[in-house]
Amino acid sequence: MRINNIRKALYAISKILGDVNAVKKGRVGKRIGRRVAGKGTGRMMRKLFK
């Protein structure tokens, strides 16, 4: 249980750091597009293998 909490926290931190890095480099639009595409793909895969 404890390892899952640590993993969750690390993923959250890395996501935030990735967002900050994208803002610094001016690639926010690209990052948002990829995130939306990834969520859509995940939803389709979920429906496919339900």
PDB file of N, CA and C in Angstrom:
ATOM      1  N   MET A   1       0.824  -1.196   0.000  1.00  0.00           N
ATOM      2  CA  MET A   1       0.000   0.000   0.000  1.00  0.00           C
ATOM      3  C   MET A   1       0.869   1.262   0.000  1.00  0.00           C
ATOM      4  N   ARG A   2       1.893   1.236   0.791  1.00  0.00           N
ATOM      5  CA  ARG A   2       2.743   2.408   0.931  1.00  0.00           C
ATOM      6  C   ARG A   2       3.511   2.706  -0.360  1.00  0.00           C
ATOM      7  N   ILE A   3       3.969   1.651  -1.039  1.00  0.00           N
ATOM      8  CA  ILE A   3       4.718   1.829  -2.288  1.00  0.00           C
ATOM      9  C   ILE A   3       3.830   2.472  -3.346  1.00  0.00           C
ATOM     10  N   ASN A   4       2.554   2.091  -3.371  1.00  0.00           N
ATOM     11  CA  ASN A   4       1.628   2.686  -4.339  1.00  0.00           C
ATOM     12  C   ASN A   4       1.472   4.180  -4.113  1.00  0.00           C
ATOM     13  N   ASN A   5       1.422   4.592  -2.859  1.00  0.00           N
ATOM     14  CA  ASN A   5       1.305   6.020  -2.539  1.00  0.00           C
ATOM     15  C   ASN A   5       2.549   6.786  -2.983  1.00  0.00           C
ATOM     16  N   ILE A   6       3.707   6.186  -2.764  1.00  0.00           N
ATOM     17  CA  ILE A   6       4.956   6.827  -3.180  1.00  0.00           C
ATOM     18  C   ILE A   6       4.997   6.937  -4.697  1.00  0.00           C
ATOM     19  N   ARG A   7       4.617   5.868  -5.384  1.00  0.00           N
ATOM     20  CA  ARG A   7       4.607   5.866  -6.844  1.00  0.00           C
ATOM     21  C   ARG A   7       3.660   6.930  -7.383  1.00  0.00           C
ATOM     22  N   LYS A   8       2.480   7.016  -6.774  1.00  0.00           N
ATOM     23  CA  LYS A   8       1.489   8.015  -7.187  1.00  0.00           C
ATOM     24  C   LYS A   8       2.037   9.426  -7.024  1.00  0.00           C
ATOM     25  N   ALA A   9       2.712   9.669  -5.906  1.00  0.00           N
ATOM     26  CA  ALA A   9       3.281  10.991  -5.645  1.00  0.00           C
ATOM     27  C   ALA A   9       4.386  11.312  -6.655  1.00  0.00           C
ATOM     28  N   LEU A  10       5.229  10.331  -6.952  1.00  0.00           N
ATOM     29  CA  LEU A  10       6.311  10.558  -7.913  1.00  0.00           C
ATOM     30  C   LEU A  10       5.769  10.860  -9.304  1.00  0.00           C
ATOM     31  N   TYR A  11       4.740  10.140  -9.726  1.00  0.00           N
ATOM     32  CA  TYR A  11       4.132  10.400 -11.032  1.00  0.00           C
ATOM     33  C   TYR A  11       3.515  11.801 -11.076  1.00  0.00           C
ATOM     34  N   ALA A  12       2.872  12.196  -9.990  1.00  0.00           N
ATOM     35  CA  ALA A  12       2.258  13.526  -9.939  1.00  0.00           C
ATOM     36  C   ALA A  12       3.330  14.613 -10.035  1.00  0.00           C
ATOM     37  N   ILE A  13       4.425  14.418  -9.317  1.00  0.00           N
ATOM     38  CA  ILE A  13       5.512  15.394  -9.351  1.00  0.00           C
ATOM     39  C   ILE A  13       6.118  15.473 -10.744  1.00  0.00           C
ATOM     40  N   SER A  14       6.316  14.315 -11.382  1.00  0.00           N
ATOM     41  CA  SER A  14       6.919  14.330 -12.716  1.00  0.00           C
ATOM     42  C   SER A  14       5.994  14.981 -13.737  1.00  0.00           C
ATOM     43  N   LYS A  15       4.691  14.799 -13.562  1.00  0.00           N
ATOM     44  CA  LYS A  15       3.722  15.436 -14.455  1.00  0.00           C
ATOM     45  C   LYS A  15       3.802  16.962 -14.318  1.00  0.00           C
ATOM     46  N   ILE A  16       3.885  17.435 -13.086  1.00  0.00           N
ATOM     47  CA  ILE A  16       3.987  18.874 -12.839  1.00  0.00           C
ATOM     48  C   ILE A  16       5.291  19.421 -13.414  1.00  0.00           C
ATOM     49  N   LEU A  17       6.390  18.703 -13.198  1.00  0.00           N
ATOM     50  CA  LEU A  17       7.676  19.147 -13.721  1.00  0.00           C
ATOM     51  C   LEU A  17       7.671  19.173 -15.248  1.00  0.00           C
ATOM     52  N   GLY A  18       7.002  18.221 -15.868  1.00  0.00           N
ATOM     53  CA  GLY A  18       6.873  18.212 -17.318  1.00  0.00           C
ATOM     54  C   GLY A  18       6.086  19.413 -17.808  1.00  0.00           C
ATOM     55  N   ASP A  19       5.041  19.769 -17.079  1.00  0.00           N
ATOM     56  CA  ASP A  19       4.249  20.956 -17.441  1.00  0.00           C
ATOM     57  C   ASP A  19       5.094  22.223 -17.326  1.00  0.00           C
ATOM     58  N   VAL A  20       5.852  22.332 -16.247  1.00  0.00           N
ATOM     59  CA  VAL A  20       6.703  23.506 -16.041  1.00  0.00           C
ATOM     60  C   VAL A  20       7.738  23.601 -17.156  1.00  0.00           C
ATOM     61  N   ASN A  21       8.325  22.466 -17.501  1.00  0.00           N
ATOM     62  CA  ASN A  21       9.333  22.433 -18.557  1.00  0.00           C
ATOM     63  C   ASN A  21       8.727  22.837 -19.903  1.00  0.00           C
ATOM     64  N   ALA A  22       7.504  22.383 -20.176  1.00  0.00           N
ATOM     65  CA  ALA A  22       6.833  22.741 -21.429  1.00  0.00           C
ATOM     66  C   ALA A  22       6.559  24.245 -21.487  1.00  0.00           C
ATOM     67  N   VAL A  23       6.175  24.827 -20.366  1.00  0.00           N
ATOM     68  CA  VAL A  23       5.922  26.268 -20.314  1.00  0.00           C
ATOM     69  C   VAL A  23       7.223  27.031 -20.588  1.00  0.00           C
ATOM     70  N   LYS A  24       8.314  26.580 -19.974  1.00  0.00           N
ATOM     71  CA  LYS A  24       9.604  27.247 -20.169  1.00  0.00           C
ATOM     72  C   LYS A  24      10.036  27.216 -21.628  1.00  0.00           C
ATOM     73  N   LYS A  25       9.807  26.084 -22.286  1.00  0.00           N
ATOM     74  CA  LYS A  25      10.268  25.921 -23.667  1.00  0.00           C
ATOM     75  C   LYS A  25       9.230  26.369 -24.691  1.00  0.00           C
ATOM     76  N   GLY A  26       8.047  26.745 -24.229  1.00  0.00           N
ATOM     77  CA  GLY A  26       7.013  27.232 -25.132  1.00  0.00           C
ATOM     78  C   GLY A  26       6.342  26.137 -25.934  1.00  0.00           C
ATOM     79  N   ARG A  27       6.206  24.962 -25.356  1.00  0.00           N
ATOM     80  CA  ARG A  27       5.606  23.822 -26.054  1.00  0.00           C
ATOM     81  C   ARG A  27       4.339  23.321 -25.357  1.00  0.00           C
ATOM     82  N   VAL A  28       3.602  24.237 -24.790  1.00  0.00           N
ATOM     83  CA  VAL A  28       2.417  23.862 -24.018  1.00  0.00           C
ATOM     84  C   VAL A  28       1.354  23.245 -24.923  1.00  0.00           C
ATOM     85  N   GLY A  29       1.127  23.834 -26.076  1.00  0.00           N
ATOM     86  CA  GLY A  29       0.108  23.327 -26.994  1.00  0.00           C
ATOM     87  C   GLY A  29       0.381  21.903 -27.420  1.00  0.00           C
ATOM     88  N   LYS A  30       1.636  21.616 -27.709  1.00  0.00           N
ATOM     89  CA  LYS A  30       2.024  20.264 -28.123  1.00  0.00           C
ATOM     90  C   LYS A  30       1.764  19.275 -26.984  1.00  0.00           C
ATOM     91  N   ARG A  31       2.089  19.691 -25.764  1.00  0.00           N
ATOM     92  CA  ARG A  31       1.909  18.817 -24.601  1.00  0.00           C
ATOM     93  C   ARG A  31       0.430  18.539 -24.342  1.00  0.00           C
ATOM     94  N   ILE A  32      -0.384  19.581 -24.452  1.00  0.00           N
ATOM     95  CA  ILE A  32      -1.825  19.405 -24.245  1.00  0.00           C
ATOM     96  C   ILE A  32      -2.398  18.474 -25.306  1.00  0.00           C
ATOM     97  N   GLY A  33      -1.972  18.659 -26.546  1.00  0.00           N
ATOM     98  CA  GLY A  33      -2.435  17.794 -27.632  1.00  0.00           C
ATOM     99  C   GLY A  33      -2.089  16.341 -27.392  1.00  0.00           C
ATOM    100  N   ARG A  34      -0.876  16.095 -26.947  1.00  0.00           N
ATOM    101  CA  ARG A  34      -0.457  14.716 -26.676  1.00  0.00           C
ATOM    102  C   ARG A  34      -1.229  14.115 -25.519  1.00  0.00           C
ATOM    103  N   ARG A  35      -1.493  14.933 -24.500  1.00  0.00           N
ATOM    104  CA  ARG A  35      -2.232  14.429 -23.338  1.00  0.00           C
ATOM    105  C   ARG A  35      -3.662  14.062 -23.729  1.00  0.00           C
ATOM    106  N   VAL A  36      -4.299  14.909 -24.540  1.00  0.00           N
ATOM    107  CA  VAL A  36      -5.664  14.637 -24.998  1.00  0.00           C
ATOM    108  C   VAL A  36      -5.684  13.383 -25.869  1.00  0.00           C
ATOM    109  N   ALA A  37      -4.700  13.260 -26.759  1.00  0.00           N
ATOM    110  CA  ALA A  37      -4.622  12.085 -27.630  1.00  0.00           C
ATOM    111  C   ALA A  37      -4.428  10.816 -26.804  1.00  0.00           C
ATOM    112  N   GLY A  38      -3.605  10.898 -25.781  1.00  0.00           N
ATOM    113  CA  GLY A  38      -3.360   9.746 -24.918  1.00  0.00           C
ATOM    114  C   GLY A  38      -4.604   9.320 -24.151  1.00  0.00           C
ATOM    115  N   LYS A  39      -5.355  10.300 -23.670  1.00  0.00           N
ATOM    116  CA  LYS A  39      -6.590   9.975 -22.945  1.00  0.00           C
ATOM    117  C   LYS A  39      -7.602   9.327 -23.881  1.00  0.00           C
ATOM    118  N   GLY A  40      -7.696   9.861 -25.107  1.00  0.00           N
ATOM    119  CA  GLY A  40      -8.626   9.285 -26.084  1.00  0.00           C
ATOM    120  C   GLY A  40      -8.249   7.861 -26.433  1.00  0.00           C
ATOM    121  N   THR A  41      -6.959   7.625 -26.613  1.00  0.00           N
ATOM    122  CA  THR A  41      -6.482   6.275 -26.929  1.00  0.00           C
ATOM    123  C   THR A  41      -6.790   5.327 -25.775  1.00  0.00           C
ATOM    124  N   GLY A  42      -6.569   5.802 -24.556  1.00  0.00           N
ATOM    125  CA  GLY A  42      -6.857   4.971 -23.388  1.00  0.00           C
ATOM    126  C   GLY A  42      -8.321   4.601 -23.297  1.00  0.00           C
ATOM    127  N   ARG A  43      -9.188   5.532 -23.599  1.00  0.00           N
ATOM    128  CA  ARG A  43     -10.631   5.256 -23.564  1.00  0.00           C
ATOM    129  C   ARG A  43     -11.022   4.242 -24.623  1.00  0.00           C
ATOM    130  N   MET A  44     -10.458   4.387 -25.825  1.00  0.00           N
ATOM    131  CA  MET A  44     -10.763   3.430 -26.891  1.00  0.00           C
ATOM    132  C   MET A  44     -10.269   2.034 -26.530  1.00  0.00           C
ATOM    133  N   MET A  45      -9.080   1.941 -25.969  1.00  0.00           N
ATOM    134  CA  MET A  45      -8.521   0.637 -25.575  1.00  0.00           C
ATOM    135  C   MET A  45      -9.377   0.004 -24.480  1.00  0.00           C
ATOM    136  N   ARG A  46      -9.852   0.829 -23.554  1.00  0.00           N
ATOM    137  CA  ARG A  46     -10.694   0.327 -22.478  1.00  0.00           C
ATOM    138  C   ARG A  46     -11.964  -0.286 -23.032  1.00  0.00           C
ATOM    139  N   LYS A  47     -12.584   0.399 -24.000  1.00  0.00           N
ATOM    140  CA  LYS A  47     -13.815  -0.108 -24.620  1.00  0.00           C
ATOM    141  C   LYS A  47     -13.531  -1.372 -25.407  1.00  0.00           C
ATOM    142  N   LEU A  48     -12.397  -1.418 -26.061  1.00  0.00           N
ATOM    143  CA  LEU A  48     -12.043  -2.550 -26.912  1.00  0.00           C
ATOM    144  C   LEU A  48     -11.807  -3.815 -26.097  1.00  0.00           C
ATOM    145  N   PHE A  49     -11.163  -3.685 -24.946  1.00  0.00           N
ATOM    146  CA  PHE A  49     -10.807  -4.853 -24.135  1.00  0.00           C
ATOM    147  C   PHE A  49     -11.665  -5.024 -22.886  1.00  0.00           C
ATOM    148  N   LYS A  50     -12.869  -4.517 -22.944  1.00  0.00           N
ATOM    149  CA  LYS A  50     -13.779  -4.586 -21.802  1.00  0.00           C
ATOM    150  C   LYS A  50     -14.319  -5.972 -21.597  1.00  0.00           C
TER     151      LYS A  50
END
